[in-house]
PDB file of N, CA and C in Angstrom:
ATOM      1  N   UNK A   1      80.054  99.314  86.737  1.00  0.00           N
ATOM      2  CA  UNK A   1      80.575 100.023  86.079  1.00  0.00           C
ATOM      3  C   UNK A   1      81.339  99.869  84.923  1.00  0.00           C
ATOM      4  N   UNK A   2      81.494  98.551  85.436  1.00  0.00           N
ATOM      5  CA  UNK A   2      82.577  97.911  84.269  1.00  0.00           C
ATOM      6  C   UNK A   2      81.664  96.108  83.679  1.00  0.00           C
ATOM      7  N   UNK A   3      80.685  96.627  83.469  1.00  0.00           N
ATOM      8  CA  UNK A   3      79.783  95.439  83.078  1.00  0.00           C
ATOM      9  C   UNK A   3      79.782  94.354  83.788  1.00  0.00           C
ATOM     10  N   UNK A   4      78.924  93.321  83.085  1.00  0.00           N
ATOM     11  CA  UNK A   4      78.751  91.740  83.947  1.00  0.00           C
ATOM     12  C   UNK A   4      80.019  90.835  84.460  1.00  0.00           C
ATOM     13  N   UNK A   5      80.966  90.957  83.108  1.00  0.00           N
ATOM     14  CA  UNK A   5      82.104  90.314  83.391  1.00  0.00           C
ATOM     15  C   UNK A   5      83.584  91.278  82.739  1.00  0.00           C
ATOM     16  N   UNK A   6      83.695  92.033  83.989  1.00  0.00           N
ATOM     17  CA  UNK A   6      85.161  92.943  82.926  1.00  0.00           C
ATOM     18  C   UNK A   6      86.641  92.156  83.241  1.00  0.00           C
ATOM     19  N   UNK A   7      87.391  92.718  82.565  1.00  0.00           N
ATOM     20  CA  UNK A   7      88.784  92.100  82.435  1.00  0.00           C
ATOM     21  C   UNK A   7      89.553  92.989  83.589  1.00  0.00           C
ATOM     22  N   UNK A   8      90.634  91.456  84.237  1.00  0.00           N
ATOM     23  CA  UNK A   8      90.908  92.330  85.532  1.00  0.00           C
ATOM     24  C   UNK A   8      92.013  90.973  85.750  1.00  0.00           C
ATOM     25  N   UNK A   9      93.106  91.988  86.307  1.00  0.00           N
ATOM     26  CA  UNK A   9      93.997  91.007  86.989  1.00  0.00           C
ATOM     27  C   UNK A   9      94.773  91.622  88.717  1.00  0.00           C
ATOM     28  N   UNK A  10      94.578  90.314  90.045  1.00  0.00           N
ATOM     29  CA  UNK A  10      94.725  91.165  90.813  1.00  0.00           C
ATOM     30  C   UNK A  10      96.082  89.960  91.417  1.00  0.00           C
ATOM     31  N   UNK A  11      97.177  90.564  91.835  1.00  0.00           N
ATOM     32  CA  UNK A  11      98.414  90.068  91.912  1.00  0.00           C
ATOM     33  C   UNK A  11      98.880  90.729  94.198  1.00  0.00           C
ATOM     34  N   UNK A  12      98.892  89.261  94.443  1.00  0.00           N
ATOM     35  CA  UNK A  12      98.325  89.128  95.847  1.00  0.00           C
ATOM     36  C   UNK A  12     100.206  88.785  96.138  1.00  0.00           C
ATOM     37  N   UNK A  13     101.085  88.928  96.668  1.00  0.00           N
ATOM     38  CA  UNK A  13     102.183  89.233  96.970  1.00  0.00           C
ATOM     39  C   UNK A  13     102.686  88.334  98.415  1.00  0.00           C
ATOM     40  N   UNK A  14     102.881  87.207  98.533  1.00  0.00           N
ATOM     41  CA  UNK A  14     102.971  87.384 100.457  1.00  0.00           C
ATOM     42  C   UNK A  14     103.588  87.646 100.941  1.00  0.00           C
ATOM     43  N   UNK A  15     104.720  88.516 100.087  1.00  0.00           N
ATOM     44  CA  UNK A  15     106.056  89.733 100.817  1.00  0.00           C
ATOM     45  C   UNK A  15     104.811  91.055 101.058  1.00  0.00           C
ATOM     46  N   UNK A  16     103.918  90.859 100.882  1.00  0.00           N
ATOM     47  CA  UNK A  16     102.698  92.403 100.902  1.00  0.00           C
ATOM     48  C   UNK A  16     102.664  93.080 100.107  1.00  0.00           C
ATOM     49  N   UNK A  17     102.950  92.599  98.435  1.00  0.00           N
ATOM     50  CA  UNK A  17     102.726  93.820  97.727  1.00  0.00           C
ATOM     51  C   UNK A  17     101.175  93.715  96.983  1.00  0.00           C
ATOM     52  N   UNK A  18     100.361  94.163  96.821  1.00  0.00           N
ATOM     53  CA  UNK A  18      99.297  93.866  95.413  1.00  0.00           C
ATOM     54  C   UNK A  18      99.778  94.856  94.553  1.00  0.00           C
ATOM     55  N   UNK A  19      98.876  94.430  93.178  1.00  0.00           N
ATOM     56  CA  UNK A  19      98.671  94.990  92.134  1.00  0.00           C
ATOM     57  C   UNK A  19      97.501  94.977  91.476  1.00  0.00           C
ATOM     58  N   UNK A  20      96.726  95.473  90.888  1.00  0.00           N
ATOM     59  CA  UNK A  20      95.484  95.836  90.347  1.00  0.00           C
ATOM     60  C   UNK A  20      95.325  96.326  89.205  1.00  0.00           C
ATOM     61  N   UNK A  21      94.647  95.891  87.766  1.00  0.00           N
ATOM     62  CA  UNK A  21      94.132  96.133  86.985  1.00  0.00           C
ATOM     63  C   UNK A  21      93.079  95.421  86.212  1.00  0.00           C
ATOM     64  N   UNK A  22      91.999  96.778  86.268  1.00  0.00           N
ATOM     65  CA  UNK A  22      90.452  96.159  85.690  1.00  0.00           C
ATOM     66  C   UNK A  22      90.275  97.397  84.525  1.00  0.00           C
ATOM     67  N   UNK A  23      89.399  96.579  83.386  1.00  0.00           N
ATOM     68  CA  UNK A  23      88.994  97.364  82.708  1.00  0.00           C
ATOM     69  C   UNK A  23      87.286  96.940  82.029  1.00  0.00           C
ATOM     70  N   UNK A  24      87.087  97.885  81.569  1.00  0.00           N
ATOM     71  CA  UNK A  24      85.292  97.101  81.489  1.00  0.00           C
ATOM     72  C   UNK A  24      85.616  95.925  80.504  1.00  0.00           C
ATOM     73  N   UNK A  25      84.053  94.875  80.566  1.00  0.00           N
ATOM     74  CA  UNK A  25      83.634  93.787  79.859  1.00  0.00           C
ATOM     75  C   UNK A  25      83.987  93.906  78.237  1.00  0.00           C
ATOM     76  N   UNK A  26      83.528  95.405  77.697  1.00  0.00           N
ATOM     77  CA  UNK A  26      83.339  95.733  76.496  1.00  0.00           C
ATOM     78  C   UNK A  26      84.102  97.211  76.388  1.00  0.00           C
ATOM     79  N   UNK A  27      85.179  96.789  75.361  1.00  0.00           N
ATOM     80  CA  UNK A  27      85.754  97.719  74.997  1.00  0.00           C
ATOM     81  C   UNK A  27      85.961  97.898  73.521  1.00  0.00           C
ATOM     82  N   UNK A  28      85.670  99.217  73.141  1.00  0.00           N
ATOM     83  CA  UNK A  28      86.377  99.227  71.355  1.00  0.00           C
ATOM     84  C   UNK A  28      87.636  99.496  71.366  1.00  0.00           C
ATOM     85  N   UNK A  29      88.266  99.455  69.966  1.00  0.00           N
ATOM     86  CA  UNK A  29      89.824 100.242  69.859  1.00  0.00           C
ATOM     87  C   UNK A  29      89.333 101.867  69.799  1.00  0.00           C
ATOM     88  N   UNK A  30      90.365 102.565  70.411  1.00  0.00           N
ATOM     89  CA  UNK A  30      90.130 104.162  70.402  1.00  0.00           C
ATOM     90  C   UNK A  30      91.097 103.974  69.150  1.00  0.00           C
ATOM     91  N   UNK A  31      89.856 104.987  68.652  1.00  0.00           N
ATOM     92  CA  UNK A  31      90.426 105.609  67.384  1.00  0.00           C
ATOM     93  C   UNK A  31      90.750 107.164  67.414  1.00  0.00           C
ATOM     94  N   UNK A  32      90.419 107.769  68.385  1.00  0.00           N
ATOM     95  CA  UNK A  32      90.170 109.593  68.378  1.00  0.00           C
ATOM     96  C   UNK A  32      91.115 109.609  69.517  1.00  0.00           C
ATOM     97  N   UNK A  33      91.645 110.745  69.862  1.00  0.00           N
ATOM     98  CA  UNK A  33      91.806 111.082  71.453  1.00  0.00           C
ATOM     99  C   UNK A  33      90.991 111.625  72.698  1.00  0.00           C
ATOM    100  N   UNK A  34      89.524 111.442  71.990  1.00  0.00           N
ATOM    101  CA  UNK A  34      88.632 111.086  73.048  1.00  0.00           C
ATOM    102  C   UNK A  34      87.811 109.789  73.109  1.00  0.00           C
ATOM    103  N   UNK A  35      88.409 109.172  72.180  1.00  0.00           N
ATOM    104  CA  UNK A  35      87.724 107.419  72.863  1.00  0.00           C
ATOM    105  C   UNK A  35      89.332 107.444  73.776  1.00  0.00           C
ATOM    106  N   UNK A  36      90.435 107.755  73.078  1.00  0.00           N
ATOM    107  CA  UNK A  36      91.689 107.563  74.410  1.00  0.00           C
ATOM    108  C   UNK A  36      91.027 108.189  75.720  1.00  0.00           C
ATOM    109  N   UNK A  37      90.981 108.834  75.874  1.00  0.00           N
ATOM    110  CA  UNK A  37      90.758 109.870  77.322  1.00  0.00           C
ATOM    111  C   UNK A  37      89.556 108.614  77.968  1.00  0.00           C
ATOM    112  N   UNK A  38      88.866 107.943  76.948  1.00  0.00           N
ATOM    113  CA  UNK A  38      87.861 107.911  77.747  1.00  0.00           C
ATOM    114  C   UNK A  38      87.744 106.363  78.100  1.00  0.00           C
ATOM    115  N   UNK A  39      89.101 105.903  77.618  1.00  0.00           N
ATOM    116  CA  UNK A  39      89.578 104.721  77.627  1.00  0.00           C
ATOM    117  C   UNK A  39      90.690 104.357  79.004  1.00  0.00           C
ATOM    118  N   UNK A  40      91.091 105.401  79.382  1.00  0.00           N
ATOM    119  CA  UNK A  40      92.122 106.028  80.343  1.00  0.00           C
ATOM    120  C   UNK A  40      90.868 105.990  81.438  1.00  0.00           C
ATOM    121  N   UNK A  41      89.796 107.122  81.563  1.00  0.00           N
ATOM    122  CA  UNK A  41      89.161 107.082  82.378  1.00  0.00           C
ATOM    123  C   UNK A  41      88.042 105.982  82.662  1.00  0.00           C
ATOM    124  N   UNK A  42      87.856 104.595  81.628  1.00  0.00           N
ATOM    125  CA  UNK A  42      87.568 103.331  82.464  1.00  0.00           C
ATOM    126  C   UNK A  42      88.203 102.693  82.683  1.00  0.00           C
ATOM    127  N   UNK A  43      89.492 102.576  83.218  1.00  0.00           N
ATOM    128  CA  UNK A  43      90.175 101.427  83.923  1.00  0.00           C
ATOM    129  C   UNK A  43      90.606 101.688  85.101  1.00  0.00           C
ATOM    130  N   UNK A  44      90.903 100.793  86.090  1.00  0.00           N
ATOM    131  CA  UNK A  44      91.677 100.926  87.624  1.00  0.00           C
ATOM    132  C   UNK A  44      92.814  99.916  87.624  1.00  0.00           C
ATOM    133  N   UNK A  45      93.828 100.915  87.733  1.00  0.00           N
ATOM    134  CA  UNK A  45      95.101 100.545  87.972  1.00  0.00           C
ATOM    135  C   UNK A  45      95.479 100.933  88.802  1.00  0.00           C
ATOM    136  N   UNK A  46      96.146 100.298  90.113  1.00  0.00           N
ATOM    137  CA  UNK A  46      96.797 100.893  91.626  1.00  0.00           C
ATOM    138  C   UNK A  46      97.528  99.713  92.144  1.00  0.00           C
ATOM    139  N   UNK A  47      98.115  99.602  92.714  1.00  0.00           N
ATOM    140  CA  UNK A  47      99.514  99.165  93.613  1.00  0.00           C
ATOM    141  C   UNK A  47      99.964  99.939  94.365  1.00  0.00           C
ATOM    142  N   UNK A  48     100.539  98.555  95.770  1.00  0.00           N
ATOM    143  CA  UNK A  48     100.981  99.353  96.997  1.00  0.00           C
ATOM    144  C   UNK A  48     101.224  98.341  97.575  1.00  0.00           C
ATOM    145  N   UNK A  49     101.380  98.619  99.044  1.00  0.00           N
ATOM    146  CA  UNK A  49     102.275  97.369 100.245  1.00  0.00           C
ATOM    147  C   UNK A  49     100.620  97.251 101.175  1.00  0.00           C
ATOM    148  N   UNK A  50     100.426  95.889 101.462  1.00  0.00           N
ATOM    149  CA  UNK A  50      99.049  95.683 102.222  1.00  0.00           C
ATOM    150  C   UNK A  50      99.576  95.061 103.415  1.00  0.00           C
ATOM    151  N   UNK A  51      97.998  95.262 104.191  1.00  0.00           N
ATOM    152  CA  UNK A  51      98.633  94.690 105.861  1.00  0.00           C
ATOM    153  C   UNK A  51      97.126  93.858 105.959  1.00  0.00           C
ATOM    154  N   UNK A  52      97.224  92.966 106.147  1.00  0.00           N
ATOM    155  CA  UNK A  52      95.768  92.134 106.943  1.00  0.00           C
ATOM    156  C   UNK A  52      95.419  92.933 108.065  1.00  0.00           C
ATOM    157  N   UNK A  53      94.099  92.513 108.379  1.00  0.00           N
ATOM    158  CA  UNK A  53      92.953  93.622 109.104  1.00  0.00           C
ATOM    159  C   UNK A  53      92.489  91.699 110.126  1.00  0.00           C
ATOM    160  N   UNK A  54      92.819  91.057 110.194  1.00  0.00           N
ATOM    161  CA  UNK A  54      91.452  89.733 110.865  1.00  0.00           C
ATOM    162  C   UNK A  54      90.491  90.443 111.299  1.00  0.00           C
ATOM    163  N   UNK A  55      89.439  89.814 110.958  1.00  0.00           N
ATOM    164  CA  UNK A  55      89.266  88.798 110.696  1.00  0.00           C
ATOM    165  C   UNK A  55      89.160  88.273 109.098  1.00  0.00           C
ATOM    166  N   UNK A  56      88.683  89.586 108.532  1.00  0.00           N
ATOM    167  CA  UNK A  56      88.760  89.216 107.329  1.00  0.00           C
ATOM    168  C   UNK A  56      88.546  90.838 106.335  1.00  0.00           C
ATOM    169  N   UNK A  57      89.735  91.382 106.625  1.00  0.00           N
ATOM    170  CA  UNK A  57      90.296  92.845 105.935  1.00  0.00           C
ATOM    171  C   UNK A  57      91.489  93.022 105.518  1.00  0.00           C
ATOM    172  N   UNK A  58      91.637  93.460 104.892  1.00  0.00           N
ATOM    173  CA  UNK A  58      93.315  94.101 104.306  1.00  0.00           C
ATOM    174  C   UNK A  58      92.948  95.201 103.791  1.00  0.00           C
ATOM    175  N   UNK A  59      94.328  95.833 104.126  1.00  0.00           N
ATOM    176  CA  UNK A  59      94.232  97.681 103.633  1.00  0.00           C
ATOM    177  C   UNK A  59      95.513  97.822 102.663  1.00  0.00           C
ATOM    178  N   UNK A  60      95.309  98.372 101.908  1.00  0.00           N
ATOM    179  CA  UNK A  60      96.519  98.983 100.626  1.00  0.00           C
ATOM    180  C   UNK A  60      97.163 100.224 100.974  1.00  0.00           C
ATOM    181  N   UNK A  61      98.102 100.007 101.023  1.00  0.00           N
ATOM    182  CA  UNK A  61      98.563 101.847 101.073  1.00  0.00           C
ATOM    183  C   UNK A  61      98.811 101.901  99.836  1.00  0.00           C
ATOM    184  N   UNK A  62      98.320 102.658  98.993  1.00  0.00           N
ATOM    185  CA  UNK A  62      98.791 103.004  97.422  1.00  0.00           C
ATOM    186  C   UNK A  62      99.626 103.933  96.809  1.00  0.00           C
ATOM    187  N   UNK A  63     100.971 103.125  95.963  1.00  0.00           N
ATOM    188  CA  UNK A  63     101.706 103.925  96.086  1.00  0.00           C
ATOM    189  C   UNK A  63     101.938 104.263  94.798  1.00  0.00           C
ATOM    190  N   UNK A  64     101.294 103.564  93.581  1.00  0.00           N
ATOM    191  CA  UNK A  64     101.270 103.775  92.158  1.00  0.00           C
ATOM    192  C   UNK A  64     100.077 103.734  91.315  1.00  0.00           C
ATOM    193  N   UNK A  65      99.332 105.035  91.237  1.00  0.00           N
ATOM    194  CA  UNK A  65      98.043 104.846  90.646  1.00  0.00           C
ATOM    195  C   UNK A  65      97.614 105.348  89.416  1.00  0.00           C
ATOM    196  N   UNK A  66      97.064 105.108  88.766  1.00  0.00           N
ATOM    197  CA  UNK A  66      96.651 105.811  87.551  1.00  0.00           C
ATOM    198  C   UNK A  66      95.763 107.258  87.581  1.00  0.00           C
ATOM    199  N   UNK A  67      95.055 107.141  88.971  1.00  0.00           N
ATOM    200  CA  UNK A  67      94.309 108.220  89.546  1.00  0.00           C
ATOM    201  C   UNK A  67      95.194 108.845  90.859  1.00  0.00           C
ATOM    202  N   UNK A  68      95.507 109.723  90.035  1.00  0.00           N
ATOM    203  CA  UNK A  68      96.645 110.510  91.655  1.00  0.00           C
ATOM    204  C   UNK A  68      95.753 110.484  92.662  1.00  0.00           C
ATOM    205  N   UNK A  69      94.368 110.947  92.943  1.00  0.00           N
ATOM    206  CA  UNK A  69      93.807 111.318  94.617  1.00  0.00           C
ATOM    207  C   UNK A  69      94.235 110.139  95.127  1.00  0.00           C
ATOM    208  N   UNK A  70      94.214 108.562  94.544  1.00  0.00           N
ATOM    209  CA  UNK A  70      94.744 107.520  95.275  1.00  0.00           C
ATOM    210  C   UNK A  70      96.142 107.403  95.764  1.00  0.00           C
ATOM    211  N   UNK A  71      97.103 108.066  95.353  1.00  0.00           N
ATOM    212  CA  UNK A  71      98.717 107.645  96.132  1.00  0.00           C
ATOM    213  C   UNK A  71      98.301 107.924  97.160  1.00  0.00           C
ATOM    214  N   UNK A  72      99.118 107.174  97.754  1.00  0.00           N
ATOM    215  CA  UNK A  72      99.229 107.295  99.782  1.00  0.00           C
ATOM    216  C   UNK A  72      98.137 107.511 100.183  1.00  0.00           C
ATOM    217  N   UNK A  73      97.138 106.629  99.901  1.00  0.00           N
ATOM    218  CA  UNK A  73      95.575 106.860 100.375  1.00  0.00           C
ATOM    219  C   UNK A  73      95.562 104.881 100.539  1.00  0.00           C
ATOM    220  N   UNK A  74      95.162 105.090 101.780  1.00  0.00           N
ATOM    221  CA  UNK A  74      94.597 104.061 102.598  1.00  0.00           C
ATOM    222  C   UNK A  74      93.299 103.138 101.835  1.00  0.00           C
ATOM    223  N   UNK A  75      92.932 101.941 100.870  1.00  0.00           N
ATOM    224  CA  UNK A  75      92.318 101.453 100.368  1.00  0.00           C
ATOM    225  C   UNK A  75      92.201 100.266 101.177  1.00  0.00           C
ATOM    226  N   UNK A  76      90.614 100.073 101.868  1.00  0.00           N
ATOM    227  CA  UNK A  76      90.692  98.970 102.683  1.00  0.00           C
ATOM    228  C   UNK A  76      89.205  98.039 101.965  1.00  0.00           C
ATOM    229  N   UNK A  77      90.176  97.147 101.980  1.00  0.00           N
ATOM    230  CA  UNK A  77      88.671  95.942 101.443  1.00  0.00           C
ATOM    231  C   UNK A  77      87.980  94.857 102.437  1.00  0.00           C
ATOM    232  N   UNK A  78      86.987  94.273 102.292  1.00  0.00           N
ATOM    233  CA  UNK A  78      86.928  92.776 103.534  1.00  0.00           C
ATOM    234  C   UNK A  78      86.523  92.143 102.789  1.00  0.00           C
ATOM    235  N   UNK A  79      87.254  90.737 102.348  1.00  0.00           N
ATOM    236  CA  UNK A  79      87.449  89.508 101.841  1.00  0.00           C
ATOM    237  C   UNK A  79      86.801  88.302 102.044  1.00  0.00           C
ATOM    238  N   UNK A  80      86.168  87.577 101.786  1.00  0.00           N
ATOM    239  CA  UNK A  80      86.314  85.998 102.016  1.00  0.00           C
ATOM    240  C   UNK A  80      86.639  84.997 101.003  1.00  0.00           C
ATOM    241  N   UNK A  81      87.096  84.363 101.344  1.00  0.00           N
ATOM    242  CA  UNK A  81      87.540  83.361 100.338  1.00  0.00           C
ATOM    243  C   UNK A  81      86.583  82.065  99.939  1.00  0.00           C
ATOM    244  N   UNK A  82      86.682  81.490  98.923  1.00  0.00           N
ATOM    245  CA  UNK A  82      85.370  80.465  98.727  1.00  0.00           C
ATOM    246  C   UNK A  82      85.747  79.713  98.065  1.00  0.00           C
ATOM    247  N   UNK A  83      86.695  78.451  98.185  1.00  0.00           N
ATOM    248  CA  UNK A  83      87.523  77.961  97.216  1.00  0.00           C
ATOM    249  C   UNK A  83      88.791  78.641  96.354  1.00  0.00           C
ATOM    250  N   UNK A  84      88.499  78.260  95.202  1.00  0.00           N
ATOM    251  CA  UNK A  84      89.303  79.297  94.333  1.00  0.00           C
ATOM    252  C   UNK A  84      88.780  80.679  93.738  1.00  0.00           C
ATOM    253  N   UNK A  85      87.463  80.807  94.411  1.00  0.00           N
ATOM    254  CA  UNK A  85      87.195  82.591  94.167  1.00  0.00           C
ATOM    255  C   UNK A  85      87.272  83.368  95.620  1.00  0.00           C
ATOM    256  N   UNK A  86      88.074  84.096  95.343  1.00  0.00           N
ATOM    257  CA  UNK A  86      88.394  85.616  96.490  1.00  0.00           C
ATOM    258  C   UNK A  86      87.140  86.529  96.262  1.00  0.00           C
ATOM    259  N   UNK A  87      85.923  86.531  96.945  1.00  0.00           N
ATOM    260  CA  UNK A  87      85.142  87.763  97.184  1.00  0.00           C
ATOM    261  C   UNK A  87      85.783  88.956  97.691  1.00  0.00           C
ATOM    262  N   UNK A  88      85.440  90.639  97.148  1.00  0.00           N
ATOM    263  CA  UNK A  88      85.798  91.603  98.186  1.00  0.00           C
ATOM    264  C   UNK A  88      85.010  92.789  97.942  1.00  0.00           C
ATOM    265  N   UNK A  89      84.607  93.111  98.945  1.00  0.00           N
ATOM    266  CA  UNK A  89      83.727  94.345  98.848  1.00  0.00           C
ATOM    267  C   UNK A  89      84.840  95.495  99.430  1.00  0.00           C
ATOM    268  N   UNK A  90      84.875  96.835  98.704  1.00  0.00           N
ATOM    269  CA  UNK A  90      85.310  97.956  99.216  1.00  0.00           C
ATOM    270  C   UNK A  90      85.077  98.530  99.863  1.00  0.00           C
ATOM    271  N   UNK A  91      85.865  99.628 100.632  1.00  0.00           N
ATOM    272  CA  UNK A  91      84.965 100.521 101.490  1.00  0.00           C
ATOM    273  C   UNK A  91      84.776 101.323 100.608  1.00  0.00           C
ATOM    274  N   UNK A  92      83.830 102.806 100.738  1.00  0.00           N
ATOM    275  CA  UNK A  92      83.539 103.280  99.653  1.00  0.00           C
ATOM    276  C   UNK A  92      84.341 104.432  99.125  1.00  0.00           C
ATOM    277  N   UNK A  93      84.533 104.681  98.105  1.00  0.00           N
ATOM    278  CA  UNK A  93      85.781 105.506  97.187  1.00  0.00           C
ATOM    279  C   UNK A  93      85.052 106.546  95.650  1.00  0.00           C
ATOM    280  N   UNK A  94      86.074 107.415  95.568  1.00  0.00           N
ATOM    281  CA  UNK A  94      85.632 108.127  94.503  1.00  0.00           C
ATOM    282  C   UNK A  94      86.460 107.398  93.355  1.00  0.00           C
ATOM    283  N   UNK A  95      85.640 108.009  92.149  1.00  0.00           N
ATOM    284  CA  UNK A  95      86.904 107.203  90.830  1.00  0.00           C
ATOM    285  C   UNK A  95      86.616 108.070  89.532  1.00  0.00           C
ATOM    286  N   UNK A  96      88.001 108.571  88.546  1.00  0.00           N
ATOM    287  CA  UNK A  96      87.130 109.478  87.826  1.00  0.00           C
ATOM    288  C   UNK A  96      85.837 108.897  87.114  1.00  0.00           C
ATOM    289  N   UNK A  97      85.204 108.175  87.018  1.00  0.00           N
ATOM    290  CA  UNK A  97      84.172 108.036  86.593  1.00  0.00           C
ATOM    291  C   UNK A  97      82.770 108.568  87.470  1.00  0.00           C
ATOM    292  N   UNK A  98      83.179 108.702  88.646  1.00  0.00           N
ATOM    293  CA  UNK A  98      82.135 109.338  89.332  1.00  0.00           C
ATOM    294  C   UNK A  98      82.431 110.424  90.186  1.00  0.00           C
ATOM    295  N   UNK A  99      83.401 110.681  89.929  1.00  0.00           N
ATOM    296  CA  UNK A  99      83.727 112.387  90.572  1.00  0.00           C
ATOM    297  C   UNK A  99      83.784 112.327  91.991  1.00  0.00           C
ATOM    298  N   UNK A 100      82.337 113.145  92.282  1.00  0.00           N
ATOM    299  CA  UNK A 100      82.553 113.091  94.056  1.00  0.00           C
ATOM    300  C   UNK A 100      82.012 111.964  94.446  1.00  0.00           C
ATOM    301  N   UNK A 101      81.154 111.578  93.702  1.00  0.00           N
ATOM    302  CA  UNK A 101      80.043 110.262  94.497  1.00  0.00           C
ATOM    303  C   UNK A 101      81.261 109.482  94.524  1.00  0.00           C
ATOM    304  N   UNK A 102      80.727 108.673  96.236  1.00  0.00           N
ATOM    305  CA  UNK A 102      81.514 106.917  96.417  1.00  0.00           C
ATOM    306  C   UNK A 102      80.704 105.921  96.069  1.00  0.00           C
ATOM    307  N   UNK A 103      81.722 105.147  95.802  1.00  0.00           N
ATOM    308  CA  UNK A 103      80.840 104.016  94.939  1.00  0.00           C
ATOM    309  C   UNK A 103      81.936 102.744  95.897  1.00  0.00           C
ATOM    310  N   UNK A 104      81.005 101.994  96.037  1.00  0.00           N
ATOM    311  CA  UNK A 104      81.549 100.118  96.695  1.00  0.00           C
ATOM    312  C   UNK A 104      81.881  99.320  95.569  1.00  0.00           C
ATOM    313  N   UNK A 105      82.915  99.077  95.396  1.00  0.00           N
ATOM    314  CA  UNK A 105      83.726  97.746  94.619  1.00  0.00           C
ATOM    315  C   UNK A 105      83.066  96.431  95.219  1.00  0.00           C
ATOM    316  N   UNK A 106      82.307  95.337  94.082  1.00  0.00           N
ATOM    317  CA  UNK A 106      82.231  94.250  94.584  1.00  0.00           C
ATOM    318  C   UNK A 106      83.053  93.586  93.770  1.00  0.00           C
ATOM    319  N   UNK A 107      83.597  92.667  93.882  1.00  0.00           N
ATOM    320  CA  UNK A 107      84.666  92.016  92.983  1.00  0.00           C
ATOM    321  C   UNK A 107      84.579  89.910  93.460  1.00  0.00           C
ATOM    322  N   UNK A 108      84.699  89.379  92.578  1.00  0.00           N
ATOM    323  CA  UNK A 108      85.063  88.001  92.668  1.00  0.00           C
ATOM    324  C   UNK A 108      85.772  87.660  91.762  1.00  0.00           C
ATOM    325  N   UNK A 109      87.048  87.136  92.372  1.00  0.00           N
ATOM    326  CA  UNK A 109      88.477  86.920  91.760  1.00  0.00           C
ATOM    327  C   UNK A 109      88.679  85.742  91.923  1.00  0.00           C
ATOM    328  N   UNK A 110      89.047  84.965  90.445  1.00  0.00           N
ATOM    329  CA  UNK A 110      89.054  83.245  90.564  1.00  0.00           C
ATOM    330  C   UNK A 110      90.511  83.316  90.391  1.00  0.00           C
ATOM    331  N   UNK A 111      91.198  82.402  91.857  1.00  0.00           N
ATOM    332  CA  UNK A 111      92.673  82.145  91.151  1.00  0.00           C
ATOM    333  C   UNK A 111      92.449  81.520  90.061  1.00  0.00           C
ATOM    334  N   UNK A 112      94.125  82.017  89.009  1.00  0.00           N
ATOM    335  CA  UNK A 112      94.545  81.118  87.658  1.00  0.00           C
ATOM    336  C   UNK A 112      95.162  80.126  88.180  1.00  0.00           C
ATOM    337  N   UNK A 113      94.879  79.168  87.054  1.00  0.00           N
ATOM    338  CA  UNK A 113      94.887  78.435  87.059  1.00  0.00           C
ATOM    339  C   UNK A 113      96.562  78.178  85.837  1.00  0.00           C
ATOM    340  N   UNK A 114      97.381  77.240  86.003  1.00  0.00           N
ATOM    341  CA  UNK A 114      98.906  77.034  85.730  1.00  0.00           C
ATOM    342  C   UNK A 114      98.350  76.884  84.057  1.00  0.00           C
ATOM    343  N   UNK A 115      98.666  76.990  83.159  1.00  0.00           N
ATOM    344  CA  UNK A 115      98.258  76.643  81.878  1.00  0.00           C
ATOM    345  C   UNK A 115      99.209  75.668  81.305  1.00  0.00           C
ATOM    346  N   UNK A 116     100.023  75.184  82.036  1.00  0.00           N
ATOM    347  CA  UNK A 116     100.930  73.956  81.887  1.00  0.00           C
ATOM    348  C   UNK A 116     100.412  72.817  82.411  1.00  0.00           C
ATOM    349  N   UNK A 117      99.319  72.908  83.268  1.00  0.00           N
ATOM    350  CA  UNK A 117      98.934  71.793  83.887  1.00  0.00           C
ATOM    351  C   UNK A 117      97.580  71.065  83.203  1.00  0.00           C
TER     352      UNK A 117
END
C-alpha cells in the first residue's frame, strides 16, 4: 500500500503510550483539493495506550486517529525484536484505502540513532 520504503515514525513510551504516522514512499506535493484529499487518505496516523500480551503481542486502544472508525478500537500486533529492528505484523483491519477489505500490515522499524553521536 505504501511502497517498498514508506516514511514513518513509531514512538513507544515506557509509560504505555504509542504514536505512529506513516506515509507512502512516493508523494507528490498536493496542488488541488483532490490531491489533498488523496494525500489524507494515503496516510496512517494514530495514538493510544498499549499493553503487552506475552510472549510477543501488544495491543493499542486507539484514542486519537486520522481515521474515525479506529477510535476506541483495539489494534493488536505481533512483534519480534531483532537487534535494532522491530518487526510488526498487524491483525487484519480496514483502512480508508481498502474500504471494507481487511489488510494485514507487515512493518519493520529501525531504532533511531542519536544524531549527535
